Amino acid sequence: MKKKKQIFMLLLALLVGLPLSAQSKQEKKEQKKEAVKKLIASENYKIDVRTAMPMRGRSVPLTSPYSLEIRNDSVISYLPYFGRAYSIPYGGGDGLNFRAPLKEYDMKMDKKGNAVIEFVARNPEDRYEFRAKVYTNGEASINVNMQNRQSISFQGELEMED
């Protein structure tokens, strides 16, 4: 009889504890969502890129630390390029490694609370149209359209201050 009572108390404790952990999970999710929203609104953030997806071929997992950084009125692009180039400078050029002023910066929130960021950057080699989507969990996708090269996409994560 004592054994049954112990099992009953254990089950009761587990049932009482479950909703608390589920609620804290939901609270953590909401906190992350708000932190992501606040960071994007500050226009001072960095997206660490893990995967490159060229127009043709397979996706390429990246082992080096590549990123796209927005600092108020500038973009710092340190991204690899895989794909076809139509017109590039002799020697291959710098590709997607540049620092340039932001032009036509626009940030909107979609229906699900994800940030959709669009901007244009220009350097002597090309004109780049960026479209980044930062999801509420911090994951991000980046599409880059260029005049002299094929488009390329990237996947990564928003760098959060801990």
C-alpha atoms as a PDB file:
ATOM      1  CA  MET A   1       0.000   0.000   0.000  1.00  0.00           C
ATOM      2  CA  LYS A   2       2.839   2.364   0.869  1.00  0.00           C
ATOM      3  CA  LYS A   3       4.420   1.660  -2.547  1.00  0.00           C
ATOM      4  CA  LYS A   4       1.180   2.642  -4.369  1.00  0.00           C
ATOM      5  CA  LYS A   5       0.998   5.868  -2.394  1.00  0.00           C
ATOM      6  CA  GLN A   6       4.599   6.740  -3.335  1.00  0.00           C
ATOM      7  CA  ILE A   7       3.882   6.059  -7.031  1.00  0.00           C
ATOM      8  CA  PHE A   8       0.701   8.169  -6.862  1.00  0.00           C
ATOM      9  CA  MET A   9       2.579  11.079  -5.241  1.00  0.00           C
ATOM     10  CA  LEU A  10       5.337  10.824  -7.852  1.00  0.00           C
ATOM     11  CA  LEU A  11       2.819  10.896 -10.721  1.00  0.00           C
ATOM     12  CA  LEU A  12       0.992  13.816  -9.122  1.00  0.00           C
ATOM     13  CA  ALA A  13       4.268  15.746  -8.781  1.00  0.00           C
ATOM     14  CA  LEU A  14       5.082  15.065 -12.453  1.00  0.00           C
ATOM     15  CA  LEU A  15       1.654  16.231 -13.607  1.00  0.00           C
ATOM     16  CA  VAL A  16       1.897  19.431 -11.570  1.00  0.00           C
ATOM     17  CA  GLY A  17       5.431  20.112 -12.880  1.00  0.00           C
ATOM     18  CA  LEU A  18       4.638  19.662 -16.595  1.00  0.00           C
ATOM     19  CA  PRO A  19       2.567  22.808 -17.168  1.00  0.00           C
ATOM     20  CA  LEU A  20       5.219  24.919 -15.441  1.00  0.00           C
ATOM     21  CA  SER A  21       7.958  23.727 -17.782  1.00  0.00           C
ATOM     22  CA  ALA A  22       5.717  24.182 -20.833  1.00  0.00           C
ATOM     23  CA  GLN A  23       4.879  27.710 -19.752  1.00  0.00           C
ATOM     24  CA  SER A  24       8.515  28.587 -19.176  1.00  0.00           C
ATOM     25  CA  LYS A  25       9.306  27.227 -22.637  1.00  0.00           C
ATOM     26  CA  GLN A  26       6.643  29.515 -24.100  1.00  0.00           C
ATOM     27  CA  GLU A  27       7.979  32.413 -22.040  1.00  0.00           C
ATOM     28  CA  LYS A  28      11.519  31.764 -23.325  1.00  0.00           C
ATOM     29  CA  LYS A  29      10.178  31.690 -26.878  1.00  0.00           C
ATOM     30  CA  GLU A  30       8.427  35.038 -26.362  1.00  0.00           C
ATOM     31  CA  GLN A  31      11.537  36.547 -24.770  1.00  0.00           C
ATOM     32  CA  LYS A  32      13.666  35.449 -27.739  1.00  0.00           C
ATOM     33  CA  LYS A  33      11.058  36.843 -30.158  1.00  0.00           C
ATOM     34  CA  GLU A  34      11.150  40.231 -28.399  1.00  0.00           C
ATOM     35  CA  ALA A  35      14.970  40.223 -28.255  1.00  0.00           C
ATOM     36  CA  VAL A  36      15.163  39.485 -32.002  1.00  0.00           C
ATOM     37  CA  LYS A  37      12.639  42.232 -32.780  1.00  0.00           C
ATOM     38  CA  LYS A  38      14.507  44.753 -30.612  1.00  0.00           C
ATOM     39  CA  LEU A  39      17.898  43.878 -32.138  1.00  0.00           C
ATOM     40  CA  ILE A  40      16.613  44.202 -35.711  1.00  0.00           C
ATOM     41  CA  ALA A  41      14.900  47.519 -34.909  1.00  0.00           C
ATOM     42  CA  SER A  42      18.213  48.878 -33.563  1.00  0.00           C
ATOM     43  CA  GLU A  43      19.694  48.551 -37.094  1.00  0.00           C
ATOM     44  CA  ASN A  44      22.900  47.290 -35.507  1.00  0.00           C
ATOM     45  CA  TYR A  45      23.108  43.500 -35.868  1.00  0.00           C
ATOM     46  CA  LYS A  46      25.068  40.649 -37.396  1.00  0.00           C
ATOM     47  CA  ILE A  47      23.884  37.488 -39.133  1.00  0.00           C
ATOM     48  CA  ASP A  48      26.322  34.580 -38.938  1.00  0.00           C
ATOM     49  CA  VAL A  49      26.047  32.481 -42.101  1.00  0.00           C
ATOM     50  CA  ARG A  50      26.301  28.666 -42.013  1.00  0.00           C
ATOM     51  CA  THR A  51      25.158  27.553 -45.477  1.00  0.00           C
ATOM     52  CA  ALA A  52      25.465  28.949 -49.001  1.00  0.00           C
ATOM     53  CA  MET A  53      22.932  27.940 -51.643  1.00  0.00           C
ATOM     54  CA  PRO A  54      24.009  28.843 -55.179  1.00  0.00           C
ATOM     55  CA  MET A  55      21.459  28.982 -58.019  1.00  0.00           C
ATOM     56  CA  ARG A  56      22.973  25.848 -59.536  1.00  0.00           C
ATOM     57  CA  GLY A  57      24.414  22.950 -57.632  1.00  0.00           C
ATOM     58  CA  ARG A  58      24.127  21.786 -54.070  1.00  0.00           C
ATOM     59  CA  SER A  59      24.079  23.799 -50.911  1.00  0.00           C
ATOM     60  CA  VAL A  60      27.520  24.330 -49.408  1.00  0.00           C
ATOM     61  CA  PRO A  61      28.000  24.046 -45.630  1.00  0.00           C
ATOM     62  CA  LEU A  62      30.416  26.771 -44.556  1.00  0.00           C
ATOM     63  CA  THR A  63      33.165  25.963 -42.093  1.00  0.00           C
ATOM     64  CA  SER A  64      34.674  29.454 -41.865  1.00  0.00           C
ATOM     65  CA  PRO A  65      32.938  32.303 -40.027  1.00  0.00           C
ATOM     66  CA  TYR A  66      31.058  34.279 -42.710  1.00  0.00           C
ATOM     67  CA  SER A  67      28.601  37.043 -41.883  1.00  0.00           C
ATOM     68  CA  LEU A  68      26.462  39.957 -42.976  1.00  0.00           C
ATOM     69  CA  GLU A  69      26.537  42.910 -40.613  1.00  0.00           C
ATOM     70  CA  ILE A  70      24.388  46.030 -40.499  1.00  0.00           C
ATOM     71  CA  ARG A  71      25.830  48.975 -38.592  1.00  0.00           C
ATOM     72  CA  ASN A  72      23.401  51.892 -38.669  1.00  0.00           C
ATOM     73  CA  ASP A  73      24.012  53.263 -42.192  1.00  0.00           C
ATOM     74  CA  SER A  74      26.572  50.706 -43.452  1.00  0.00           C
ATOM     75  CA  VAL A  75      26.658  47.091 -44.529  1.00  0.00           C
ATOM     76  CA  ILE A  76      29.675  44.865 -43.960  1.00  0.00           C
ATOM     77  CA  SER A  77      29.389  41.836 -46.195  1.00  0.00           C
ATOM     78  CA  TYR A  78      31.811  38.982 -45.642  1.00  0.00           C
ATOM     79  CA  LEU A  79      30.139  36.260 -47.703  1.00  0.00           C
ATOM     80  CA  PRO A  80      31.494  33.620 -50.091  1.00  0.00           C
ATOM     81  CA  TYR A  81      30.304  33.411 -53.690  1.00  0.00           C
ATOM     82  CA  PHE A  82      29.594  30.243 -55.646  1.00  0.00           C
ATOM     83  CA  GLY A  83      28.060  30.609 -59.066  1.00  0.00           C
ATOM     84  CA  ARG A  84      28.384  32.098 -62.513  1.00  0.00           C
ATOM     85  CA  ALA A  85      29.781  35.568 -62.995  1.00  0.00           C
ATOM     86  CA  TYR A  86      28.884  37.431 -66.184  1.00  0.00           C
ATOM     87  CA  SER A  87      31.270  40.349 -65.875  1.00  0.00           C
ATOM     88  CA  ILE A  88      33.924  40.677 -63.169  1.00  0.00           C
ATOM     89  CA  PRO A  89      37.224  42.531 -62.776  1.00  0.00           C
ATOM     90  CA  TYR A  90      40.450  40.887 -63.823  1.00  0.00           C
ATOM     91  CA  GLY A  91      41.635  38.491 -61.125  1.00  0.00           C
ATOM     92  CA  GLY A  92      38.124  37.648 -59.909  1.00  0.00           C
ATOM     93  CA  GLY A  93      37.416  40.721 -57.836  1.00  0.00           C
ATOM     94  CA  ASP A  94      36.317  40.782 -54.212  1.00  0.00           C
ATOM     95  CA  GLY A  95      32.937  39.129 -54.710  1.00  0.00           C
ATOM     96  CA  LEU A  96      30.671  39.615 -51.713  1.00  0.00           C
ATOM     97  CA  ASN A  97      33.443  40.908 -49.415  1.00  0.00           C
ATOM     98  CA  PHE A  98      32.907  44.635 -49.037  1.00  0.00           C
ATOM     99  CA  ARG A  99      31.851  47.505 -46.823  1.00  0.00           C
ATOM    100  CA  ALA A 100      29.401  49.981 -48.325  1.00  0.00           C
ATOM    101  CA  PRO A 101      26.760  52.533 -47.349  1.00  0.00           C
ATOM    102  CA  LEU A 102      23.192  51.253 -47.114  1.00  0.00           C
ATOM    103  CA  LYS A 103      20.742  52.481 -49.711  1.00  0.00           C
ATOM    104  CA  GLU A 104      16.966  52.033 -49.756  1.00  0.00           C
ATOM    105  CA  TYR A 105      16.939  50.234 -46.369  1.00  0.00           C
ATOM    106  CA  ASP A 106      13.477  48.932 -45.520  1.00  0.00           C
ATOM    107  CA  MET A 107      12.416  46.711 -42.613  1.00  0.00           C
ATOM    108  CA  LYS A 108       8.905  45.325 -42.223  1.00  0.00           C
ATOM    109  CA  MET A 109       7.333  42.704 -39.998  1.00  0.00           C
ATOM    110  CA  ASP A 110       5.246  40.037 -41.720  1.00  0.00           C
ATOM    111  CA  LYS A 111       2.045  38.466 -40.343  1.00  0.00           C
ATOM    112  CA  LYS A 112       3.969  35.862 -38.335  1.00  0.00           C
ATOM    113  CA  GLY A 113       6.241  38.424 -36.670  1.00  0.00           C
ATOM    114  CA  ASN A 114       9.295  37.732 -38.854  1.00  0.00           C
ATOM    115  CA  ALA A 115      11.449  40.690 -39.915  1.00  0.00           C
ATOM    116  CA  VAL A 116      11.790  41.192 -43.677  1.00  0.00           C
ATOM    117  CA  ILE A 117      14.741  43.452 -44.473  1.00  0.00           C
ATOM    118  CA  GLU A 118      15.535  44.805 -47.930  1.00  0.00           C
ATOM    119  CA  PHE A 119      18.365  47.099 -48.941  1.00  0.00           C
ATOM    120  CA  VAL A 120      20.722  47.943 -51.772  1.00  0.00           C
ATOM    121  CA  ALA A 121      24.504  48.243 -51.564  1.00  0.00           C
ATOM    122  CA  ARG A 122      26.956  49.273 -54.248  1.00  0.00           C
ATOM    123  CA  ASN A 123      30.702  48.911 -54.657  1.00  0.00           C
ATOM    124  CA  PRO A 124      32.936  49.479 -57.716  1.00  0.00           C
ATOM    125  CA  GLU A 125      32.334  45.877 -58.862  1.00  0.00           C
ATOM    126  CA  ASP A 126      28.556  45.530 -58.736  1.00  0.00           C
ATOM    127  CA  ARG A 127      25.164  46.534 -57.358  1.00  0.00           C
ATOM    128  CA  TYR A 128      23.744  44.182 -54.718  1.00  0.00           C
ATOM    129  CA  GLU A 129      20.106  43.811 -53.735  1.00  0.00           C
ATOM    130  CA  PHE A 130      19.798  42.067 -50.392  1.00  0.00           C
ATOM    131  CA  ARG A 131      16.637  40.559 -48.977  1.00  0.00           C
ATOM    132  CA  ALA A 132      16.984  39.044 -45.523  1.00  0.00           C
ATOM    133  CA  LYS A 133      14.309  37.371 -43.473  1.00  0.00           C
ATOM    134  CA  VAL A 134      14.947  36.981 -39.756  1.00  0.00           C
ATOM    135  CA  TYR A 135      12.552  34.573 -38.082  1.00  0.00           C
ATOM    136  CA  THR A 136      11.287  34.967 -34.521  1.00  0.00           C
ATOM    137  CA  ASN A 137      13.634  32.203 -33.297  1.00  0.00           C
ATOM    138  CA  GLY A 138      16.713  34.050 -34.624  1.00  0.00           C
ATOM    139  CA  GLU A 139      17.204  31.931 -37.747  1.00  0.00           C
ATOM    140  CA  ALA A 140      17.802  33.943 -40.921  1.00  0.00           C
ATOM    141  CA  SER A 141      17.802  33.562 -44.703  1.00  0.00           C
ATOM    142  CA  ILE A 142      19.527  35.984 -47.054  1.00  0.00           C
ATOM    143  CA  ASN A 143      19.009  36.352 -50.808  1.00  0.00           C
ATOM    144  CA  VAL A 144      21.445  38.420 -52.858  1.00  0.00           C
ATOM    145  CA  ASN A 145      20.693  39.547 -56.416  1.00  0.00           C
ATOM    146  CA  MET A 146      23.479  41.130 -58.442  1.00  0.00           C
ATOM    147  CA  GLN A 147      23.788  42.634 -61.911  1.00  0.00           C
ATOM    148  CA  ASN A 148      27.036  40.890 -62.903  1.00  0.00           C
ATOM    149  CA  ARG A 149      26.589  37.517 -61.190  1.00  0.00           C
ATOM    150  CA  GLN A 150      23.987  34.853 -60.588  1.00  0.00           C
ATOM    151  CA  SER A 151      21.887  35.186 -57.444  1.00  0.00           C
ATOM    152  CA  ILE A 152      22.864  33.308 -54.309  1.00  0.00           C
ATOM    153  CA  SER A 153      21.138  32.560 -50.994  1.00  0.00           C
ATOM    154  CA  PHE A 154      22.467  31.946 -47.511  1.00  0.00           C
ATOM    155  CA  GLN A 155      21.120  30.546 -44.265  1.00  0.00           C
ATOM    156  CA  GLY A 156      22.335  31.434 -40.820  1.00  0.00           C
ATOM    157  CA  GLU A 157      21.434  32.838 -37.457  1.00  0.00           C
ATOM    158  CA  LEU A 158      21.188  36.260 -35.883  1.00  0.00           C
ATOM    159  CA  GLU A 159      24.033  36.850 -33.451  1.00  0.00           C
ATOM    160  CA  MET A 160      22.488  37.572 -30.056  1.00  0.00           C
ATOM    161  CA  GLU A 161      24.257  39.207 -27.119  1.00  0.00           C
ATOM    162  CA  ASP A 162      24.275  36.814 -24.202  1.00  0.00           C
END
